C-alpha atoms as a PDB file:
ATOM      1  CA  MET A   1      -0.058   0.258   0.338  1.00  0.00           C
ATOM      2  CA  ALA A   2       1.573   3.394  -1.278  1.00  0.00           C
ATOM      3  CA  GLU A   3       1.598   5.814   1.795  1.00  0.00           C
ATOM      4  CA  ILE A   4       0.525   9.099   1.206  1.00  0.00           C
ATOM      5  CA  LYS A   5       1.088  12.313   3.488  1.00  0.00           C
ATOM      6  CA  PHE A   6      -1.299  15.381   3.906  1.00  0.00           C
ATOM      7  CA  CYS A   7       0.526  19.157   5.196  1.00  0.00           C
ATOM      8  CA  GLU A   8      -3.089  20.016   7.068  1.00  0.00           C
ATOM      9  CA  ASN A   9      -2.042  23.544   6.304  1.00  0.00           C
ATOM     10  CA  ASN A  10      -3.473  22.781   3.143  1.00  0.00           C
ATOM     11  CA  PHE A  11      -6.854  21.565   4.669  1.00  0.00           C
ATOM     12  CA  GLY A  12      -8.520  25.530   3.334  1.00  0.00           C
ATOM     13  CA  HIS A  13      -7.740  23.232  -0.281  1.00  0.00           C
ATOM     14  CA  GLY A  14     -10.623  21.234   0.062  1.00  0.00           C
ATOM     15  CA  THR A  15      -7.606  18.033   1.639  1.00  0.00           C
ATOM     16  CA  ASP A  16      -9.007  17.576   4.876  1.00  0.00           C
ATOM     17  CA  GLU A  17     -12.444  15.666   2.836  1.00  0.00           C
ATOM     18  CA  ILE A  18      -9.835  13.404   0.877  1.00  0.00           C
ATOM     19  CA  VAL A  19      -8.120  12.230   4.370  1.00  0.00           C
ATOM     20  CA  ASP A  20     -12.137  11.365   5.115  1.00  0.00           C
ATOM     21  CA  LYS A  21     -12.039   9.487   2.549  1.00  0.00           C
ATOM     22  CA  LEU A  22      -9.351   8.244   2.107  1.00  0.00           C
ATOM     23  CA  LYS A  23     -10.630   7.052   5.271  1.00  0.00           C
ATOM     24  CA  ASN A  24     -13.911   5.291   5.529  1.00  0.00           C
ATOM     25  CA  GLU A  25     -12.166   3.466   2.998  1.00  0.00           C
ATOM     26  CA  GLY A  26      -9.580   1.449   4.790  1.00  0.00           C
ATOM     27  CA  ILE A  27      -5.938   3.875   4.083  1.00  0.00           C
ATOM     28  CA  GLU A  28      -4.879   5.892   7.157  1.00  0.00           C
ATOM     29  CA  PRO A  29      -3.052   8.233   5.037  1.00  0.00           C
ATOM     30  CA  GLU A  30      -1.187  10.343   7.861  1.00  0.00           C
ATOM     31  CA  VAL A  31      -1.575  14.289   7.635  1.00  0.00           C
ATOM     32  CA  GLU A  32       1.424  16.608   8.870  1.00  0.00           C
ATOM     33  CA  SER A  33       1.857  19.581  10.305  1.00  0.00           C
ATOM     34  CA  CYS A  34       4.124  20.456   8.021  1.00  0.00           C
ATOM     35  CA  LEU A  35       5.575  18.933   4.633  1.00  0.00           C
ATOM     36  CA  GLY A  36       7.589  21.585   3.303  1.00  0.00           C
ATOM     37  CA  TYR A  37       5.726  22.008   0.862  1.00  0.00           C
ATOM     38  CA  CYS A  38       4.697  25.860   2.072  1.00  0.00           C
ATOM     39  CA  GLY A  39       4.958  27.576  -1.763  1.00  0.00           C
ATOM     40  CA  ASP A  40       3.250  24.007  -3.306  1.00  0.00           C
ATOM     41  CA  CYS A  41      -0.007  24.472  -0.237  1.00  0.00           C
ATOM     42  CA  ALA A  42      -0.815  28.088  -0.588  1.00  0.00           C
ATOM     43  CA  VAL A  43      -1.470  27.937  -4.343  1.00  0.00           C
ATOM     44  CA  GLY A  44      -4.009  24.133  -4.762  1.00  0.00           C
ATOM     45  CA  PRO A  45      -4.226  20.581  -3.276  1.00  0.00           C
ATOM     46  CA  PHE A  46      -2.106  18.875  -2.676  1.00  0.00           C
ATOM     47  CA  ALA A  47      -0.258  14.870  -1.130  1.00  0.00           C
ATOM     48  CA  LEU A  48       2.246  13.071  -1.509  1.00  0.00           C
ATOM     49  CA  VAL A  49       2.074   9.529  -2.073  1.00  0.00           C
ATOM     50  CA  ASP A  50       5.376   7.146  -1.645  1.00  0.00           C
ATOM     51  CA  ASP A  51       7.020  11.318  -1.100  1.00  0.00           C
ATOM     52  CA  GLU A  52       6.055  12.301  -4.707  1.00  0.00           C
ATOM     53  CA  LEU A  53       4.214  15.790  -4.822  1.00  0.00           C
ATOM     54  CA  VAL A  54       1.017  14.846  -6.820  1.00  0.00           C
ATOM     55  CA  GLN A  55      -0.908  18.286  -7.375  1.00  0.00           C
ATOM     56  CA  ALA A  56      -4.508  19.028  -9.137  1.00  0.00           C
ATOM     57  CA  ASP A  57      -6.708  21.191  -9.290  1.00  0.00           C
ATOM     58  CA  THR A  58      -9.849  20.382  -7.301  1.00  0.00           C
ATOM     59  CA  ALA A  59      -9.152  18.251  -4.597  1.00  0.00           C
ATOM     60  CA  GLU A  60     -11.978  15.710  -5.816  1.00  0.00           C
ATOM     61  CA  GLU A  61      -9.127  15.839  -9.042  1.00  0.00           C
ATOM     62  CA  LEU A  62      -6.392  14.899  -6.652  1.00  0.00           C
ATOM     63  CA  TYR A  63      -8.190  12.549  -5.007  1.00  0.00           C
ATOM     64  CA  GLU A  64      -8.484  10.367  -8.408  1.00  0.00           C
ATOM     65  CA  LYS A  65      -5.018  11.142  -8.553  1.00  0.00           C
ATOM     66  CA  ILE A  66      -3.915   9.605  -5.895  1.00  0.00           C
ATOM     67  CA  ARG A  67      -6.441   6.580  -5.906  1.00  0.00           C
ATOM     68  CA  ALA A  68      -5.181   6.031  -9.486  1.00  0.00           C
ATOM     69  CA  GLN A  69      -1.396   5.386  -7.622  1.00  0.00           C
ATOM     70  CA  LEU A  70      -3.075   2.366  -4.389  1.00  0.00           C
END
């Protein structure tokens, strides 16, 4: 299973909903206070999947990209 990490500072872009969706599917993503991607975090939804940056224009698009990597 892939390791998925979210920055809690990115929740304003809707990533908190992705965390909830993944948990409902039995996946346990990590939520950290800062992942060190502040420039990316400020402009839109992102996550790290196996330590690779995954970005999207919307939270739903990010969710689909993450699901495609699982």
